[in-house]
Amino acid sequence: MSDVLNEAYGVVQCKECPWYKSCVIPMKFTAEDIRRQLEQSAPGVDISQQADFSIQNLLSSMATAAQNSLLESCPIFIDRLRSSPKLAQRLKEMMQNWGKEEE
């Protein structure tokens, strides 16, 4: 009986969640976002418009790398992945085999 209640609770949690039906989205970073973050974390350092091309290129590369590796996700989805290693493994396998079923 507790399994049924847990399942129902999970469904209700999802339907009330502001992330409903969009559990995971890629995070969006720009070079400007990273520059602002660096300025906030190091108050004495000025990374202003005077920054040379190599620093701008580095910031742009960091923004691209962040977009390709970080996701923003629903806290319920994250909790479910952490509490169920089998679910996480199944999702990983599905992504690794994406498109192979059609061949």
Protein backbone atom coordinates (compact mmCIF):
# COMPACT_ATOMS: atom_id res chain seq x y z
CA MET A 1 0.00 0.00 0.00
CA SER A 2 2.85 2.39 0.76
CA ASP A 3 4.21 1.88 -2.79
CA VAL A 4 0.93 3.10 -4.24
CA LEU A 5 0.96 6.13 -1.95
CA ASN A 6 4.56 6.91 -2.84
CA GLU A 7 3.74 6.67 -6.55
CA ALA A 8 0.71 8.94 -6.15
CA TYR A 9 2.76 11.41 -4.13
CA GLY A 10 5.38 11.50 -6.89
CA VAL A 11 2.73 12.23 -9.55
CA VAL A 12 1.20 15.02 -7.44
CA GLN A 13 4.65 16.48 -6.76
CA CYS A 14 5.37 16.64 -10.48
CA LYS A 15 2.04 18.19 -11.44
CA GLU A 16 2.49 20.93 -8.82
CA CYS A 17 6.09 21.57 -9.80
CA PRO A 18 6.84 24.77 -11.77
CA TRP A 19 9.09 22.64 -13.98
CA TYR A 20 6.18 20.35 -15.00
CA LYS A 21 6.96 18.60 -18.31
CA SER A 22 10.28 20.38 -18.71
CA CYS A 23 12.38 18.64 -16.08
CA VAL A 24 15.74 19.37 -17.67
CA ILE A 25 16.96 22.30 -19.74
CA PRO A 26 20.47 23.29 -20.81
CA MET A 27 21.92 26.14 -18.82
CA LYS A 28 22.66 29.24 -20.84
CA PHE A 29 25.91 31.11 -20.21
CA THR A 30 27.45 33.96 -22.10
CA ALA A 31 30.94 35.37 -21.87
CA GLU A 32 29.36 38.42 -20.20
CA ASP A 33 27.76 36.21 -17.51
CA ILE A 34 31.12 34.63 -16.72
CA ARG A 35 32.86 38.05 -16.68
CA ARG A 36 30.28 39.36 -14.17
CA GLN A 37 30.69 36.25 -12.01
CA LEU A 38 34.47 36.64 -12.00
CA GLU A 39 34.18 40.32 -11.04
CA GLN A 40 31.84 39.43 -8.16
CA SER A 41 34.11 36.68 -6.86
CA ALA A 42 37.28 38.81 -7.07
CA PRO A 43 36.22 42.37 -6.13
CA GLY A 44 39.67 43.94 -6.64
CA VAL A 45 40.21 42.57 -10.13
CA ASP A 46 38.96 44.64 -13.06
CA ILE A 47 37.91 42.53 -16.01
CA SER A 48 36.37 45.39 -17.91
CA GLN A 49 35.99 46.19 -21.57
CA GLN A 50 39.75 46.75 -21.67
CA ALA A 51 40.36 43.01 -21.45
CA ASP A 52 42.52 41.81 -24.28
CA PHE A 53 41.43 39.40 -26.97
CA SER A 54 42.86 36.29 -25.28
CA ILE A 55 40.82 36.88 -22.11
CA GLN A 56 37.66 37.48 -24.14
CA ASN A 57 38.40 34.29 -26.09
CA LEU A 58 38.92 32.37 -22.83
CA LEU A 59 35.62 33.65 -21.41
CA SER A 60 33.81 32.73 -24.60
CA SER A 61 35.30 29.22 -24.52
CA MET A 62 34.28 28.82 -20.87
CA ALA A 63 30.73 29.86 -21.73
CA THR A 64 30.57 27.33 -24.56
CA ALA A 65 31.98 24.54 -22.38
CA ALA A 66 29.49 25.33 -19.62
CA GLN A 67 26.56 25.22 -22.03
CA ASN A 68 27.65 21.82 -23.32
CA SER A 69 28.10 20.19 -19.93
CA LEU A 70 25.68 21.71 -17.42
CA LEU A 71 21.95 21.24 -17.06
CA GLU A 72 19.41 22.99 -14.93
CA SER A 73 16.92 20.50 -13.55
CA CYS A 74 13.80 20.08 -11.49
CA PRO A 75 14.63 19.26 -7.84
CA ILE A 76 12.20 16.33 -7.90
CA PHE A 77 13.92 14.85 -10.97
CA ILE A 78 17.34 15.26 -9.34
CA ASP A 79 16.09 13.61 -6.14
CA ARG A 80 14.70 10.67 -8.12
CA LEU A 81 18.00 10.19 -9.96
CA ARG A 82 19.98 10.33 -6.72
CA SER A 83 17.69 7.89 -4.94
CA SER A 84 17.55 5.40 -7.82
CA PRO A 85 20.90 4.47 -9.36
CA LYS A 86 19.08 2.02 -11.65
CA LEU A 87 16.98 4.85 -13.10
CA ALA A 88 20.08 6.94 -13.70
CA GLN A 89 21.80 3.98 -15.37
CA ARG A 90 18.76 3.31 -17.59
CA LEU A 91 18.68 6.96 -18.71
CA LYS A 92 22.40 6.85 -19.43
CA GLU A 93 22.01 3.68 -21.51
CA MET A 94 19.06 5.17 -23.41
CA MET A 95 21.10 8.23 -24.30
CA GLN A 96 24.13 6.17 -25.32
CA ASN A 97 21.95 4.04 -27.61
CA TRP A 98 19.93 6.95 -29.01
CA GLY A 99 19.08 6.28 -32.65
CA LYS A 100 20.56 2.78 -32.73
CA GLU A 101 17.11 1.18 -32.44
CA GLU A 102 16.21 2.50 -35.89
CA GLU A 103 19.16 0.84 -37.63
